[in-house]
Amino acid sequence: MAHAPPIRPKLRANIAGYSAETLRYWNGTALRWGAFAGLTGLYLVSQVPIIKGTFLQKLPVIGWYWKVEEAKK
């Protein structure tokens, strides 16, 4: 009688029950939804003075759009 090797389970690393293959599959979709949500949120709060002064005016290419000139007296 020949000796058979023991059966070993395949171990897969997962995060919250999702394997690396599953996360890789959904990566593009999550990136697109995240970008859409971020741009929508930025659009909704773009008129808040604190957001406009501390974040939007300091953007390298499009910061000029939110610059407000002081009225000269």
PDB file of N, CA and C in Angstrom:
ATOM      1  N   MET A   1       0.844  -1.158   0.000  1.00  0.00           N
ATOM      2  CA  MET A   1       0.000   0.000   0.000  1.00  0.00           C
ATOM      3  C   MET A   1       0.903   1.239   0.000  1.00  0.00           C
ATOM      4  N   ALA A   2       0.667   2.153  -0.935  1.00  0.00           N
ATOM      5  CA  ALA A   2       1.471   3.369  -1.060  1.00  0.00           C
ATOM      6  C   ALA A   2       0.946   4.430  -0.098  1.00  0.00           C
ATOM      7  N   HIS A   3       1.886   5.222   0.354  1.00  0.00           N
ATOM      8  CA  HIS A   3       1.527   6.279   1.298  1.00  0.00           C
ATOM      9  C   HIS A   3       1.129   7.536   0.526  1.00  0.00           C
ATOM     10  N   ALA A   4      -0.079   8.044   0.732  1.00  0.00           N
ATOM     11  CA  ALA A   4      -0.563   9.250   0.054  1.00  0.00           C
ATOM     12  C   ALA A   4      -0.155  10.480   0.853  1.00  0.00           C
ATOM     13  N   PRO A   5       0.199  11.573   0.169  1.00  0.00           N
ATOM     14  CA  PRO A   5       0.543  12.792   0.894  1.00  0.00           C
ATOM     15  C   PRO A   5      -0.690  13.359   1.598  1.00  0.00           C
ATOM     16  N   PRO A   6      -0.485  14.030   2.717  1.00  0.00           N
ATOM     17  CA  PRO A   6      -1.644  14.588   3.437  1.00  0.00           C
ATOM     18  C   PRO A   6      -2.307  15.709   2.638  1.00  0.00           C
ATOM     19  N   ILE A   7      -3.579  15.827   2.806  1.00  0.00           N
ATOM     20  CA  ILE A   7      -4.332  16.883   2.134  1.00  0.00           C
ATOM     21  C   ILE A   7      -4.190  18.149   2.964  1.00  0.00           C
ATOM     22  N   ARG A   8      -3.730  19.185   2.308  1.00  0.00           N
ATOM     23  CA  ARG A   8      -3.537  20.461   3.008  1.00  0.00           C
ATOM     24  C   ARG A   8      -4.477  21.509   2.405  1.00  0.00           C
ATOM     25  N   PRO A   9      -5.088  22.315   3.250  1.00  0.00           N
ATOM     26  CA  PRO A   9      -5.968  23.363   2.716  1.00  0.00           C
ATOM     27  C   PRO A   9      -5.141  24.479   2.082  1.00  0.00           C
ATOM     28  N   LYS A  10      -5.714  25.119   1.070  1.00  0.00           N
ATOM     29  CA  LYS A  10      -5.060  26.263   0.452  1.00  0.00           C
ATOM     30  C   LYS A  10      -5.375  27.488   1.300  1.00  0.00           C
ATOM     31  N   LEU A  11      -4.349  28.149   1.755  1.00  0.00           N
ATOM     32  CA  LEU A  11      -4.537  29.331   2.580  1.00  0.00           C
ATOM     33  C   LEU A  11      -4.494  30.565   1.693  1.00  0.00           C
ATOM     34  N   ARG A  12      -5.483  31.391   1.838  1.00  0.00           N
ATOM     35  CA  ARG A  12      -5.542  32.638   1.086  1.00  0.00           C
ATOM     36  C   ARG A  12      -5.686  33.781   2.073  1.00  0.00           C
ATOM     37  N   ALA A  13      -4.892  34.805   1.878  1.00  0.00           N
ATOM     38  CA  ALA A  13      -5.026  35.998   2.711  1.00  0.00           C
ATOM     39  C   ALA A  13      -6.271  36.764   2.272  1.00  0.00           C
ATOM     40  N   ASN A  14      -7.001  37.287   3.228  1.00  0.00           N
ATOM     41  CA  ASN A  14      -8.166  38.072   2.874  1.00  0.00           C
ATOM     42  C   ASN A  14      -8.326  39.228   3.849  1.00  0.00           C
ATOM     43  N   ILE A  15      -9.052  40.205   3.403  1.00  0.00           N
ATOM     44  CA  ILE A  15      -9.365  41.379   4.212  1.00  0.00           C
ATOM     45  C   ILE A  15     -10.877  41.457   4.288  1.00  0.00           C
ATOM     46  N   ALA A  16     -11.417  41.298   5.465  1.00  0.00           N
ATOM     47  CA  ALA A  16     -12.864  41.324   5.700  1.00  0.00           C
ATOM     48  C   ALA A  16     -13.588  40.314   4.812  1.00  0.00           C
ATOM     49  N   GLY A  17     -12.940  39.193   4.542  1.00  0.00           N
ATOM     50  CA  GLY A  17     -13.573  38.152   3.756  1.00  0.00           C
ATOM     51  C   GLY A  17     -13.372  38.265   2.259  1.00  0.00           C
ATOM     52  N   TYR A  18     -12.680  39.312   1.785  1.00  0.00           N
ATOM     53  CA  TYR A  18     -12.438  39.500   0.362  1.00  0.00           C
ATOM     54  C   TYR A  18     -11.005  39.104   0.045  1.00  0.00           C
ATOM     55  N   SER A  19     -10.828  38.295  -0.978  1.00  0.00           N
ATOM     56  CA  SER A  19      -9.491  37.870  -1.360  1.00  0.00           C
ATOM     57  C   SER A  19      -8.824  38.944  -2.207  1.00  0.00           C
ATOM     58  N   ALA A  20      -7.540  38.781  -2.455  1.00  0.00           N
ATOM     59  CA  ALA A  20      -6.795  39.745  -3.265  1.00  0.00           C
ATOM     60  C   ALA A  20      -7.339  39.784  -4.691  1.00  0.00           C
ATOM     61  N   GLU A  21      -7.766  38.654  -5.222  1.00  0.00           N
ATOM     62  CA  GLU A  21      -8.317  38.626  -6.575  1.00  0.00           C
ATOM     63  C   GLU A  21      -9.611  39.430  -6.659  1.00  0.00           C
ATOM     64  N   THR A  22     -10.446  39.299  -5.648  1.00  0.00           N
ATOM     65  CA  THR A  22     -11.711  40.044  -5.628  1.00  0.00           C
ATOM     66  C   THR A  22     -11.448  41.540  -5.507  1.00  0.00           C
ATOM     67  N   LEU A  23     -10.526  41.917  -4.632  1.00  0.00           N
ATOM     68  CA  LEU A  23     -10.211  43.336  -4.476  1.00  0.00           C
ATOM     69  C   LEU A  23      -9.602  43.917  -5.748  1.00  0.00           C
ATOM     70  N   ARG A  24      -8.781  43.155  -6.431  1.00  0.00           N
ATOM     71  CA  ARG A  24      -8.179  43.611  -7.677  1.00  0.00           C
ATOM     72  C   ARG A  24      -9.254  43.787  -8.747  1.00  0.00           C
ATOM     73  N   TYR A  25     -10.242  42.923  -8.748  1.00  0.00           N
ATOM     74  CA  TYR A  25     -11.329  43.012  -9.722  1.00  0.00           C
ATOM     75  C   TYR A  25     -12.144  44.286  -9.538  1.00  0.00           C
ATOM     76  N   TRP A  26     -12.421  44.676  -8.293  1.00  0.00           N
ATOM     77  CA  TRP A  26     -13.246  45.841  -8.000  1.00  0.00           C
ATOM     78  C   TRP A  26     -12.463  47.130  -7.867  1.00  0.00           C
ATOM     79  N   ASN A  27     -11.163  47.100  -8.027  1.00  0.00           N
ATOM     80  CA  ASN A  27     -10.323  48.268  -7.827  1.00  0.00           C
ATOM     81  C   ASN A  27     -10.690  49.422  -8.762  1.00  0.00           C
ATOM     82  N   GLY A  28     -10.873  49.151 -10.043  1.00  0.00           N
ATOM     83  CA  GLY A  28     -11.198  50.207 -11.003  1.00  0.00           C
ATOM     84  C   GLY A  28     -12.539  50.856 -10.720  1.00  0.00           C
ATOM     85  N   THR A  29     -13.522  50.050 -10.375  1.00  0.00           N
ATOM     86  CA  THR A  29     -14.844  50.583 -10.071  1.00  0.00           C
ATOM     87  C   THR A  29     -14.801  51.451  -8.824  1.00  0.00           C
ATOM     88  N   ALA A  30     -14.100  50.990  -7.811  1.00  0.00           N
ATOM     89  CA  ALA A  30     -13.993  51.771  -6.573  1.00  0.00           C
ATOM     90  C   ALA A  30     -13.265  53.091  -6.816  1.00  0.00           C
ATOM     91  N   LEU A  31     -12.259  53.072  -7.672  1.00  0.00           N
ATOM     92  CA  LEU A  31     -11.536  54.298  -7.997  1.00  0.00           C
ATOM     93  C   LEU A  31     -12.448  55.300  -8.697  1.00  0.00           C
ATOM     94  N   ARG A  32     -13.232  54.838  -9.643  1.00  0.00           N
ATOM     95  CA  ARG A  32     -14.137  55.741 -10.365  1.00  0.00           C
ATOM     96  C   ARG A  32     -15.216  56.320  -9.446  1.00  0.00           C
ATOM     97  N   TRP A  33     -15.819  55.475  -8.609  1.00  0.00           N
ATOM     98  CA  TRP A  33     -16.848  55.970  -7.686  1.00  0.00           C
ATOM     99  C   TRP A  33     -16.249  56.933  -6.661  1.00  0.00           C
ATOM    100  N   GLY A  34     -15.050  56.651  -6.201  1.00  0.00           N
ATOM    101  CA  GLY A  34     -14.397  57.544  -5.250  1.00  0.00           C
ATOM    102  C   GLY A  34     -14.084  58.900  -5.854  1.00  0.00           C
ATOM    103  N   ALA A  35     -13.600  58.904  -7.096  1.00  0.00           N
ATOM    104  CA  ALA A  35     -13.323  60.174  -7.778  1.00  0.00           C
ATOM    105  C   ALA A  35     -14.611  60.964  -8.000  1.00  0.00           C
ATOM    106  N   PHE A  36     -15.662  60.274  -8.403  1.00  0.00           N
ATOM    107  CA  PHE A  36     -16.949  60.939  -8.611  1.00  0.00           C
ATOM    108  C   PHE A  36     -17.474  61.539  -7.312  1.00  0.00           C
ATOM    109  N   ALA A  37     -17.403  60.774  -6.220  1.00  0.00           N
ATOM    110  CA  ALA A  37     -17.887  61.274  -4.930  1.00  0.00           C
ATOM    111  C   ALA A  37     -17.039  62.448  -4.449  1.00  0.00           C
ATOM    112  N   GLY A  38     -15.734  62.372  -4.643  1.00  0.00           N
ATOM    113  CA  GLY A  38     -14.854  63.464  -4.227  1.00  0.00           C
ATOM    114  C   GLY A  38     -15.106  64.745  -5.004  1.00  0.00           C
ATOM    115  N   LEU A  39     -15.252  64.633  -6.306  1.00  0.00           N
ATOM    116  CA  LEU A  39     -15.524  65.825  -7.116  1.00  0.00           C
ATOM    117  C   LEU A  39     -16.894  66.408  -6.824  1.00  0.00           C
ATOM    118  N   THR A  40     -17.876  65.553  -6.581  1.00  0.00           N
ATOM    119  CA  THR A  40     -19.206  66.045  -6.225  1.00  0.00           C
ATOM    120  C   THR A  40     -19.175  66.777  -4.892  1.00  0.00           C
ATOM    121  N   GLY A  41     -18.492  66.205  -3.916  1.00  0.00           N
ATOM    122  CA  GLY A  41     -18.362  66.871  -2.615  1.00  0.00           C
ATOM    123  C   GLY A  41     -17.618  68.187  -2.732  1.00  0.00           C
ATOM    124  N   LEU A  42     -16.575  68.220  -3.541  1.00  0.00           N
ATOM    125  CA  LEU A  42     -15.829  69.456  -3.750  1.00  0.00           C
ATOM    126  C   LEU A  42     -16.694  70.519  -4.412  1.00  0.00           C
ATOM    127  N   TYR A  43     -17.514  70.109  -5.365  1.00  0.00           N
ATOM    128  CA  TYR A  43     -18.423  71.041  -6.020  1.00  0.00           C
ATOM    129  C   TYR A  43     -19.439  71.610  -5.033  1.00  0.00           C
ATOM    130  N   LEU A  44     -19.953  70.767  -4.147  1.00  0.00           N
ATOM    131  CA  LEU A  44     -20.981  71.214  -3.205  1.00  0.00           C
ATOM    132  C   LEU A  44     -20.438  72.169  -2.158  1.00  0.00           C
ATOM    133  N   VAL A  45     -19.181  72.014  -1.759  1.00  0.00           N
ATOM    134  CA  VAL A  45     -18.614  72.887  -0.722  1.00  0.00           C
ATOM    135  C   VAL A  45     -17.686  73.954  -1.298  1.00  0.00           C
ATOM    136  N   SER A  46     -17.694  74.137  -2.610  1.00  0.00           N
ATOM    137  CA  SER A  46     -16.761  75.080  -3.218  1.00  0.00           C
ATOM    138  C   SER A  46     -17.070  76.539  -2.891  1.00  0.00           C
ATOM    139  N   GLN A  47     -18.253  76.846  -2.422  1.00  0.00           N
ATOM    140  CA  GLN A  47     -18.592  78.223  -2.094  1.00  0.00           C
ATOM    141  C   GLN A  47     -18.426  78.549  -0.616  1.00  0.00           C
ATOM    142  N   VAL A  48     -18.003  77.593   0.190  1.00  0.00           N
ATOM    143  CA  VAL A  48     -17.742  77.843   1.602  1.00  0.00           C
ATOM    144  C   VAL A  48     -16.417  78.594   1.704  1.00  0.00           C
ATOM    145  N   PRO A  49     -16.392  79.762   2.363  1.00  0.00           N
ATOM    146  CA  PRO A  49     -15.180  80.581   2.373  1.00  0.00           C
ATOM    147  C   PRO A  49     -13.946  79.882   2.951  1.00  0.00           C
ATOM    148  N   ILE A  50     -14.101  79.075   3.968  1.00  0.00           N
ATOM    149  CA  ILE A  50     -12.936  78.403   4.566  1.00  0.00           C
ATOM    150  C   ILE A  50     -12.345  77.409   3.574  1.00  0.00           C
ATOM    151  N   ILE A  51     -13.176  76.642   2.909  1.00  0.00           N
ATOM    152  CA  ILE A  51     -12.709  75.672   1.912  1.00  0.00           C
ATOM    153  C   ILE A  51     -12.080  76.401   0.730  1.00  0.00           C
ATOM    154  N   LYS A  52     -12.702  77.481   0.315  1.00  0.00           N
ATOM    155  CA  LYS A  52     -12.202  78.235  -0.823  1.00  0.00           C
ATOM    156  C   LYS A  52     -10.825  78.836  -0.535  1.00  0.00           C
ATOM    157  N   GLY A  53     -10.649  79.398   0.663  1.00  0.00           N
ATOM    158  CA  GLY A  53      -9.391  80.067   0.995  1.00  0.00           C
ATOM    159  C   GLY A  53      -8.254  79.124   1.335  1.00  0.00           C
ATOM    160  N   THR A  54      -8.552  78.042   2.036  1.00  0.00           N
ATOM    161  CA  THR A  54      -7.471  77.175   2.492  1.00  0.00           C
ATOM    162  C   THR A  54      -7.127  76.061   1.534  1.00  0.00           C
ATOM    163  N   PHE A  55      -8.043  75.653   0.682  1.00  0.00           N
ATOM    164  CA  PHE A  55      -7.776  74.508  -0.180  1.00  0.00           C
ATOM    165  C   PHE A  55      -7.849  74.857  -1.660  1.00  0.00           C
ATOM    166  N   LEU A  56      -8.951  75.402  -2.108  1.00  0.00           N
ATOM    167  CA  LEU A  56      -9.185  75.560  -3.539  1.00  0.00           C
ATOM    168  C   LEU A  56      -8.280  76.605  -4.182  1.00  0.00           C
ATOM    169  N   GLN A  57      -7.990  77.704  -3.491  1.00  0.00           N
ATOM    170  CA  GLN A  57      -7.138  78.734  -4.071  1.00  0.00           C
ATOM    171  C   GLN A  57      -5.687  78.287  -4.180  1.00  0.00           C
ATOM    172  N   LYS A  58      -5.301  77.243  -3.466  1.00  0.00           N
ATOM    173  CA  LYS A  58      -3.919  76.774  -3.489  1.00  0.00           C
ATOM    174  C   LYS A  58      -3.678  75.630  -4.458  1.00  0.00           C
ATOM    175  N   LEU A  59      -4.690  75.253  -5.228  1.00  0.00           N
ATOM    176  CA  LEU A  59      -4.499  74.212  -6.238  1.00  0.00           C
ATOM    177  C   LEU A  59      -3.580  74.744  -7.335  1.00  0.00           C
ATOM    178  N   PRO A  60      -2.632  73.951  -7.817  1.00  0.00           N
ATOM    179  CA  PRO A  60      -1.615  74.457  -8.733  1.00  0.00           C
ATOM    180  C   PRO A  60      -2.137  74.982 -10.071  1.00  0.00           C
ATOM    181  N   VAL A  61      -3.024  74.288 -10.727  1.00  0.00           N
ATOM    182  CA  VAL A  61      -3.389  74.682 -12.083  1.00  0.00           C
ATOM    183  C   VAL A  61      -4.676  75.489 -12.123  1.00  0.00           C
ATOM    184  N   ILE A  62      -5.659  75.125 -11.329  1.00  0.00           N
ATOM    185  CA  ILE A  62      -6.975  75.775 -11.422  1.00  0.00           C
ATOM    186  C   ILE A  62      -7.301  76.637 -10.214  1.00  0.00           C
ATOM    187  N   GLY A  63      -6.332  76.948  -9.378  1.00  0.00           N
ATOM    188  CA  GLY A  63      -6.582  77.758  -8.188  1.00  0.00           C
ATOM    189  C   GLY A  63      -7.010  79.184  -8.499  1.00  0.00           C
ATOM    190  N   TRP A  64      -6.622  79.699  -9.663  1.00  0.00           N
ATOM    191  CA  TRP A  64      -6.988  81.056 -10.049  1.00  0.00           C
ATOM    192  C   TRP A  64      -8.499  81.230 -10.143  1.00  0.00           C
ATOM    193  N   TYR A  65      -9.220  80.173 -10.408  1.00  0.00           N
ATOM    194  CA  TYR A  65     -10.663  80.250 -10.582  1.00  0.00           C
ATOM    195  C   TYR A  65     -11.361  80.721  -9.300  1.00  0.00           C
ATOM    196  N   TRP A  66     -10.831  80.372  -8.141  1.00  0.00           N
ATOM    197  CA  TRP A  66     -11.461  80.713  -6.875  1.00  0.00           C
ATOM    198  C   TRP A  66     -10.847  81.919  -6.191  1.00  0.00           C
ATOM    199  N   LYS A  67      -9.875  82.574  -6.821  1.00  0.00           N
ATOM    200  CA  LYS A  67      -9.262  83.763  -6.224  1.00  0.00           C
ATOM    201  C   LYS A  67     -10.278  84.902  -6.238  1.00  0.00           C
ATOM    202  N   VAL A  68     -10.335  85.624  -5.129  1.00  0.00           N
ATOM    203  CA  VAL A  68     -11.233  86.751  -5.004  1.00  0.00           C
ATOM    204  C   VAL A  68     -10.374  87.976  -4.739  1.00  0.00           C
ATOM    205  N   GLU A  69     -10.504  88.977  -5.591  1.00  0.00           N
ATOM    206  CA  GLU A  69      -9.743  90.208  -5.431  1.00  0.00           C
ATOM    207  C   GLU A  69     -10.400  91.071  -4.346  1.00  0.00           C
ATOM    208  N   GLU A  70      -9.559  91.672  -3.527  1.00  0.00           N
ATOM    209  CA  GLU A  70     -10.066  92.584  -2.491  1.00  0.00           C
ATOM    210  C   GLU A  70     -10.519  93.868  -3.153  1.00  0.00           C
ATOM    211  N   ALA A  71     -11.628  94.402  -2.681  1.00  0.00           N
ATOM    212  CA  ALA A  71     -12.150  95.662  -3.231  1.00  0.00           C
ATOM    213  C   ALA A  71     -11.297  96.806  -2.705  1.00  0.00           C
ATOM    214  N   LYS A  72     -10.771  97.635  -3.631  1.00  0.00           N
ATOM    215  CA  LYS A  72      -9.954  98.784  -3.239  1.00  0.00           C
ATOM    216  C   LYS A  72     -10.863  99.939  -2.843  1.00  0.00           C
ATOM    217  N   LYS A  73     -10.458 100.614  -1.763  1.00  0.00           N
ATOM    218  CA  LYS A  73     -11.281 101.739  -1.278  1.00  0.00           C
ATOM    219  C   LYS A  73     -10.695 103.053  -1.688  1.00  0.00           C
TER     220      LYS A  73
END
